Amino acid sequence: MKRRSNKLRDERLEFRISAKAKMKLRSTSEEYGLSMGTILNNLIEGLPVDNIKEKHFQFMAVHNLATEINYIGKNINQVTVALRQIASDRRIEDGEFAMMNKLIIAYEAKLNEVKTVILEKFR
């Protein structure tokens, strides 16, 4: 994790806290993926103390999901092109072509459902 330059932090402050408070601060900093100084600065400035590790995990989950959806979409596009070529040559029954269209429509519905959930979760 990159560290910011100390241009904004040109003063040093030392104070004493209990061992229990220090342990709690240290465990919170490890859990959130932030330094103890960053947590204290955010609290002093009234800024939220965001859990960087959780945000990174959420981002990677959404990224992986989007990648998988993209692969599936590409495969469906390839199948659709092939089926249309086959259908235009009348090498496939009309019922089979309609069945594939239903599968594509079901995929699009599921894609829209996932999109809605993601948008609600991360707004």
N, C-alpha and C. Protein backbone atom coordinates (compact mmCIF):
# COMPACT_ATOMS: atom_id res chain seq x y z
N MET A 1 0.85 -1.17 0.00
CA MET A 1 0.00 0.00 0.00
C MET A 1 0.90 1.23 0.00
N LYS A 2 0.62 2.16 -0.92
CA LYS A 2 1.43 3.37 -1.01
C LYS A 2 1.18 4.27 0.19
N ARG A 3 2.22 4.90 0.61
CA ARG A 3 2.09 5.87 1.70
C ARG A 3 2.09 7.27 1.10
N ARG A 4 1.25 8.11 1.67
CA ARG A 4 1.22 9.50 1.24
C ARG A 4 2.44 10.23 1.79
N SER A 5 2.81 11.29 1.09
CA SER A 5 3.91 12.09 1.62
C SER A 5 3.45 12.79 2.90
N ASN A 6 4.38 13.13 3.73
CA ASN A 6 4.06 13.73 5.02
C ASN A 6 3.95 15.25 4.94
N LYS A 7 3.68 15.82 3.76
CA LYS A 7 3.54 17.26 3.63
C LYS A 7 2.40 17.78 4.49
N LEU A 8 1.33 17.00 4.59
CA LEU A 8 0.19 17.43 5.39
C LEU A 8 0.38 17.11 6.87
N ARG A 9 1.35 16.30 7.16
CA ARG A 9 1.61 15.89 8.54
C ARG A 9 2.99 16.38 8.94
N ASP A 10 3.09 17.63 9.29
CA ASP A 10 4.39 18.17 9.65
C ASP A 10 4.56 18.33 11.16
N GLU A 11 3.57 17.95 11.93
CA GLU A 11 3.66 18.02 13.39
C GLU A 11 3.63 16.62 13.96
N ARG A 12 4.29 16.46 15.09
CA ARG A 12 4.31 15.17 15.77
C ARG A 12 3.64 15.32 17.13
N LEU A 13 2.82 14.34 17.50
CA LEU A 13 2.11 14.36 18.77
C LEU A 13 2.34 13.02 19.45
N GLU A 14 2.72 13.09 20.70
CA GLU A 14 2.90 11.86 21.48
C GLU A 14 1.97 11.92 22.68
N PHE A 15 1.33 10.82 22.97
CA PHE A 15 0.46 10.75 24.14
C PHE A 15 0.45 9.32 24.65
N ARG A 16 -0.01 9.16 25.85
CA ARG A 16 -0.02 7.85 26.49
C ARG A 16 -1.45 7.31 26.50
N ILE A 17 -1.57 6.02 26.18
CA ILE A 17 -2.86 5.35 26.28
C ILE A 17 -2.63 4.01 26.96
N SER A 18 -3.69 3.40 27.39
CA SER A 18 -3.56 2.11 28.07
C SER A 18 -3.18 1.03 27.06
N ALA A 19 -2.62 -0.03 27.58
CA ALA A 19 -2.22 -1.15 26.73
C ALA A 19 -3.44 -1.75 26.03
N LYS A 20 -4.57 -1.78 26.74
CA LYS A 20 -5.80 -2.32 26.17
C LYS A 20 -6.27 -1.45 24.99
N ALA A 21 -6.22 -0.13 25.15
CA ALA A 21 -6.64 0.78 24.07
C ALA A 21 -5.71 0.66 22.87
N LYS A 22 -4.41 0.51 23.14
CA LYS A 22 -3.45 0.36 22.04
C LYS A 22 -3.68 -0.94 21.29
N MET A 23 -3.96 -2.02 22.03
CA MET A 23 -4.24 -3.30 21.40
C MET A 23 -5.49 -3.21 20.53
N LYS A 24 -6.51 -2.51 21.04
CA LYS A 24 -7.74 -2.35 20.27
C LYS A 24 -7.48 -1.53 19.00
N LEU A 25 -6.71 -0.45 19.12
CA LEU A 25 -6.37 0.38 17.97
C LEU A 25 -5.55 -0.42 16.96
N ARG A 26 -4.58 -1.19 17.44
CA ARG A 26 -3.76 -2.01 16.55
C ARG A 26 -4.60 -3.06 15.83
N SER A 27 -5.49 -3.75 16.56
CA SER A 27 -6.32 -4.78 15.92
C SER A 27 -7.28 -4.16 14.91
N THR A 28 -7.80 -2.97 15.22
CA THR A 28 -8.68 -2.29 14.26
C THR A 28 -7.89 -1.90 13.02
N SER A 29 -6.66 -1.42 13.20
CA SER A 29 -5.85 -1.02 12.04
C SER A 29 -5.52 -2.23 11.17
N GLU A 30 -5.24 -3.35 11.79
CA GLU A 30 -4.95 -4.56 11.01
C GLU A 30 -6.20 -5.06 10.30
N GLU A 31 -7.33 -5.01 11.00
CA GLU A 31 -8.60 -5.47 10.41
C GLU A 31 -9.02 -4.61 9.23
N TYR A 32 -8.83 -3.30 9.34
CA TYR A 32 -9.28 -2.37 8.30
C TYR A 32 -8.22 -2.13 7.23
N GLY A 33 -6.99 -2.57 7.45
CA GLY A 33 -5.95 -2.36 6.46
C GLY A 33 -5.43 -0.93 6.44
N LEU A 34 -5.52 -0.24 7.56
CA LEU A 34 -5.07 1.16 7.68
C LEU A 34 -4.03 1.24 8.79
N SER A 35 -3.24 2.30 8.77
CA SER A 35 -2.29 2.50 9.85
C SER A 35 -3.02 3.08 11.06
N MET A 36 -2.40 2.93 12.23
CA MET A 36 -3.01 3.49 13.44
C MET A 36 -3.11 5.01 13.32
N GLY A 37 -2.10 5.64 12.73
CA GLY A 37 -2.11 7.09 12.55
C GLY A 37 -3.25 7.55 11.65
N THR A 38 -3.49 6.79 10.58
CA THR A 38 -4.58 7.14 9.66
C THR A 38 -5.93 7.05 10.37
N ILE A 39 -6.11 6.02 11.17
CA ILE A 39 -7.37 5.87 11.91
C ILE A 39 -7.56 7.05 12.86
N LEU A 40 -6.52 7.39 13.61
CA LEU A 40 -6.63 8.52 14.54
C LEU A 40 -6.87 9.83 13.81
N ASN A 41 -6.16 10.06 12.71
CA ASN A 41 -6.37 11.28 11.93
C ASN A 41 -7.80 11.37 11.41
N ASN A 42 -8.32 10.26 10.90
CA ASN A 42 -9.71 10.25 10.39
C ASN A 42 -10.70 10.55 11.50
N LEU A 43 -10.48 9.98 12.67
CA LEU A 43 -11.38 10.24 13.80
C LEU A 43 -11.31 11.71 14.22
N ILE A 44 -10.12 12.28 14.25
CA ILE A 44 -9.96 13.69 14.64
C ILE A 44 -10.63 14.60 13.62
N GLU A 45 -10.46 14.29 12.33
CA GLU A 45 -11.03 15.11 11.27
C GLU A 45 -12.52 14.85 11.05
N GLY A 46 -13.06 13.85 11.73
CA GLY A 46 -14.47 13.53 11.56
C GLY A 46 -14.76 12.78 10.26
N LEU A 47 -13.73 12.15 9.69
CA LEU A 47 -13.88 11.38 8.46
C LEU A 47 -14.22 9.93 8.80
N PRO A 48 -14.89 9.24 7.90
CA PRO A 48 -15.19 7.83 8.17
C PRO A 48 -13.93 6.98 8.14
N VAL A 49 -13.93 5.96 8.95
CA VAL A 49 -12.82 5.00 8.95
C VAL A 49 -13.31 3.80 8.16
N ASP A 50 -12.92 3.77 6.87
CA ASP A 50 -13.40 2.72 5.97
C ASP A 50 -12.52 1.48 6.08
N ASN A 51 -13.18 0.34 5.98
CA ASN A 51 -12.48 -0.94 5.99
C ASN A 51 -11.95 -1.19 4.58
N ILE A 52 -10.68 -0.90 4.36
CA ILE A 52 -10.07 -1.02 3.04
C ILE A 52 -10.04 -2.48 2.59
N LYS A 53 -9.79 -3.39 3.50
CA LYS A 53 -9.74 -4.81 3.13
C LYS A 53 -11.10 -5.29 2.64
N GLU A 54 -12.18 -4.88 3.33
CA GLU A 54 -13.54 -5.28 2.93
C GLU A 54 -13.90 -4.67 1.58
N LYS A 55 -13.55 -3.41 1.37
CA LYS A 55 -13.84 -2.76 0.09
C LYS A 55 -13.08 -3.45 -1.04
N HIS A 56 -11.84 -3.83 -0.79
CA HIS A 56 -11.06 -4.54 -1.81
C HIS A 56 -11.70 -5.89 -2.11
N PHE A 57 -12.13 -6.60 -1.08
CA PHE A 57 -12.78 -7.90 -1.27
C PHE A 57 -14.05 -7.73 -2.10
N GLN A 58 -14.87 -6.72 -1.78
CA GLN A 58 -16.10 -6.48 -2.54
C GLN A 58 -15.79 -6.13 -3.99
N PHE A 59 -14.78 -5.29 -4.19
CA PHE A 59 -14.41 -4.92 -5.55
C PHE A 59 -13.98 -6.15 -6.35
N MET A 60 -13.16 -7.00 -5.76
CA MET A 60 -12.69 -8.19 -6.47
C MET A 60 -13.84 -9.15 -6.77
N ALA A 61 -14.80 -9.26 -5.84
CA ALA A 61 -15.96 -10.13 -6.08
C ALA A 61 -16.77 -9.62 -7.26
N VAL A 62 -17.02 -8.32 -7.30
CA VAL A 62 -17.77 -7.74 -8.41
C VAL A 62 -16.98 -7.86 -9.71
N HIS A 63 -15.68 -7.63 -9.65
CA HIS A 63 -14.84 -7.74 -10.84
C HIS A 63 -14.87 -9.16 -11.40
N ASN A 64 -14.73 -10.15 -10.52
CA ASN A 64 -14.76 -11.55 -10.97
C ASN A 64 -16.12 -11.91 -11.55
N LEU A 65 -17.19 -11.43 -10.92
CA LEU A 65 -18.54 -11.69 -11.43
C LEU A 65 -18.72 -11.06 -12.81
N ALA A 66 -18.28 -9.82 -12.96
CA ALA A 66 -18.40 -9.14 -14.25
C ALA A 66 -17.59 -9.85 -15.33
N THR A 67 -16.41 -10.36 -14.97
CA THR A 67 -15.58 -11.09 -15.93
C THR A 67 -16.28 -12.35 -16.40
N GLU A 68 -16.85 -13.09 -15.46
CA GLU A 68 -17.58 -14.32 -15.81
C GLU A 68 -18.79 -14.02 -16.68
N ILE A 69 -19.54 -12.99 -16.33
CA ILE A 69 -20.71 -12.60 -17.13
C ILE A 69 -20.27 -12.21 -18.54
N ASN A 70 -19.14 -11.53 -18.64
CA ASN A 70 -18.62 -11.13 -19.95
C ASN A 70 -18.28 -12.36 -20.79
N TYR A 71 -17.61 -13.36 -20.18
CA TYR A 71 -17.27 -14.58 -20.91
C TYR A 71 -18.53 -15.29 -21.40
N ILE A 72 -19.52 -15.39 -20.52
CA ILE A 72 -20.78 -16.06 -20.89
C ILE A 72 -21.45 -15.30 -22.03
N GLY A 73 -21.47 -13.99 -21.94
CA GLY A 73 -22.08 -13.18 -22.99
C GLY A 73 -21.38 -13.37 -24.33
N LYS A 74 -20.06 -13.43 -24.32
CA LYS A 74 -19.31 -13.65 -25.57
C LYS A 74 -19.66 -15.01 -26.16
N ASN A 75 -19.74 -16.03 -25.30
CA ASN A 75 -20.09 -17.37 -25.79
C ASN A 75 -21.49 -17.38 -26.39
N ILE A 76 -22.42 -16.71 -25.73
CA ILE A 76 -23.79 -16.66 -26.25
C ILE A 76 -23.82 -15.94 -27.59
N ASN A 77 -23.06 -14.87 -27.72
CA ASN A 77 -23.00 -14.17 -29.00
C ASN A 77 -22.47 -15.06 -30.11
N GLN A 78 -21.44 -15.85 -29.81
CA GLN A 78 -20.90 -16.76 -30.81
C GLN A 78 -21.92 -17.83 -31.19
N VAL A 79 -22.61 -18.38 -30.21
CA VAL A 79 -23.62 -19.39 -30.48
C VAL A 79 -24.76 -18.79 -31.29
N THR A 80 -25.17 -17.58 -30.95
CA THR A 80 -26.26 -16.93 -31.67
C THR A 80 -25.91 -16.73 -33.14
N VAL A 81 -24.70 -16.28 -33.43
CA VAL A 81 -24.28 -16.10 -34.82
C VAL A 81 -24.31 -17.43 -35.55
N ALA A 82 -23.78 -18.47 -34.91
CA ALA A 82 -23.76 -19.80 -35.54
C ALA A 82 -25.18 -20.31 -35.78
N LEU A 83 -26.06 -20.14 -34.80
CA LEU A 83 -27.44 -20.61 -34.96
C LEU A 83 -28.18 -19.86 -36.06
N ARG A 84 -27.94 -18.57 -36.15
CA ARG A 84 -28.60 -17.80 -37.21
C ARG A 84 -28.11 -18.25 -38.59
N GLN A 85 -26.83 -18.56 -38.69
CA GLN A 85 -26.31 -19.06 -39.96
C GLN A 85 -26.92 -20.42 -40.29
N ILE A 86 -27.02 -21.27 -39.28
CA ILE A 86 -27.60 -22.60 -39.49
C ILE A 86 -29.09 -22.47 -39.83
N ALA A 87 -29.80 -21.58 -39.12
CA ALA A 87 -31.23 -21.40 -39.36
C ALA A 87 -31.49 -20.84 -40.75
N SER A 88 -30.63 -19.95 -41.20
CA SER A 88 -30.84 -19.38 -42.53
C SER A 88 -30.62 -20.42 -43.63
N ASP A 89 -29.80 -21.44 -43.35
CA ASP A 89 -29.59 -22.53 -44.30
C ASP A 89 -30.60 -23.65 -44.10
N ARG A 90 -31.52 -23.48 -43.13
CA ARG A 90 -32.56 -24.46 -42.79
C ARG A 90 -31.97 -25.81 -42.39
N ARG A 91 -30.87 -25.76 -41.66
CA ARG A 91 -30.25 -26.99 -41.15
C ARG A 91 -30.67 -27.26 -39.72
N ILE A 92 -31.50 -26.41 -39.16
CA ILE A 92 -31.96 -26.58 -37.79
C ILE A 92 -33.48 -26.41 -37.77
N GLU A 93 -34.11 -27.16 -36.93
CA GLU A 93 -35.57 -27.08 -36.80
C GLU A 93 -35.95 -25.74 -36.17
N ASP A 94 -37.09 -25.21 -36.54
CA ASP A 94 -37.54 -23.94 -35.98
C ASP A 94 -37.72 -24.01 -34.47
N GLY A 95 -38.17 -25.13 -33.95
CA GLY A 95 -38.37 -25.29 -32.51
C GLY A 95 -37.07 -25.21 -31.73
N GLU A 96 -36.00 -25.77 -32.27
CA GLU A 96 -34.70 -25.72 -31.61
C GLU A 96 -34.15 -24.29 -31.59
N PHE A 97 -34.38 -23.57 -32.67
CA PHE A 97 -33.93 -22.19 -32.73
C PHE A 97 -34.70 -21.35 -31.71
N ALA A 98 -35.99 -21.59 -31.59
CA ALA A 98 -36.82 -20.87 -30.62
C ALA A 98 -36.37 -21.20 -29.19
N MET A 99 -36.00 -22.46 -28.94
CA MET A 99 -35.53 -22.86 -27.62
C MET A 99 -34.24 -22.11 -27.25
N MET A 100 -33.35 -21.95 -28.20
CA MET A 100 -32.12 -21.21 -27.93
C MET A 100 -32.44 -19.75 -27.65
N ASN A 101 -33.36 -19.18 -28.39
CA ASN A 101 -33.77 -17.80 -28.13
C ASN A 101 -34.31 -17.64 -26.71
N LYS A 102 -35.08 -18.63 -26.23
CA LYS A 102 -35.60 -18.58 -24.86
C LYS A 102 -34.46 -18.61 -23.85
N LEU A 103 -33.44 -19.42 -24.11
CA LEU A 103 -32.29 -19.48 -23.21
C LEU A 103 -31.56 -18.13 -23.17
N ILE A 104 -31.43 -17.49 -24.30
CA ILE A 104 -30.76 -16.19 -24.34
C ILE A 104 -31.57 -15.15 -23.60
N ILE A 105 -32.88 -15.19 -23.76
CA ILE A 105 -33.76 -14.25 -23.03
C ILE A 105 -33.65 -14.49 -21.53
N ALA A 106 -33.59 -15.77 -21.11
CA ALA A 106 -33.44 -16.09 -19.69
C ALA A 106 -32.09 -15.58 -19.17
N TYR A 107 -31.04 -15.69 -19.97
CA TYR A 107 -29.73 -15.18 -19.58
C TYR A 107 -29.79 -13.67 -19.39
N GLU A 108 -30.40 -12.97 -20.32
CA GLU A 108 -30.50 -11.52 -20.23
C GLU A 108 -31.29 -11.10 -18.99
N ALA A 109 -32.35 -11.84 -18.65
CA ALA A 109 -33.13 -11.54 -17.46
C ALA A 109 -32.28 -11.72 -16.20
N LYS A 110 -31.50 -12.79 -16.16
CA LYS A 110 -30.63 -13.04 -15.01
C LYS A 110 -29.55 -11.97 -14.92
N LEU A 111 -29.01 -11.56 -16.05
CA LEU A 111 -28.01 -10.51 -16.08
C LEU A 111 -28.58 -9.21 -15.52
N ASN A 112 -29.78 -8.87 -15.90
CA ASN A 112 -30.42 -7.65 -15.39
C ASN A 112 -30.70 -7.76 -13.89
N GLU A 113 -31.05 -8.96 -13.43
CA GLU A 113 -31.29 -9.18 -12.00
C GLU A 113 -30.01 -8.97 -11.20
N VAL A 114 -28.91 -9.54 -11.68
CA VAL A 114 -27.62 -9.38 -11.00
C VAL A 114 -27.20 -7.92 -11.03
N LYS A 115 -27.41 -7.26 -12.15
CA LYS A 115 -27.06 -5.84 -12.27
C LYS A 115 -27.81 -5.00 -11.25
N THR A 116 -29.10 -5.29 -11.06
CA THR A 116 -29.91 -4.56 -10.10
C THR A 116 -29.39 -4.76 -8.68
N VAL A 117 -29.04 -6.00 -8.33
CA VAL A 117 -28.53 -6.29 -7.00
C VAL A 117 -27.22 -5.58 -6.76
N ILE A 118 -26.34 -5.60 -7.76
CA ILE A 118 -25.04 -4.94 -7.61
C ILE A 118 -25.22 -3.44 -7.44
N LEU A 119 -26.08 -2.84 -8.24
CA LEU A 119 -26.30 -1.40 -8.14
C LEU A 119 -26.88 -1.01 -6.79
N GLU A 120 -27.80 -1.81 -6.26
CA GLU A 120 -28.39 -1.52 -4.94
C GLU A 120 -27.35 -1.67 -3.84
N LYS A 121 -26.49 -2.67 -3.96
CA LYS A 121 -25.51 -2.96 -2.91
C LYS A 121 -24.41 -1.90 -2.83
N PHE A 122 -24.00 -1.38 -3.98
CA PHE A 122 -22.83 -0.51 -4.01
C PHE A 122 -23.14 0.95 -4.32
N ARG A 123 -24.32 1.40 -4.06
CA ARG A 123 -24.63 2.82 -4.24
C ARG A 123 -24.25 3.59 -3.02
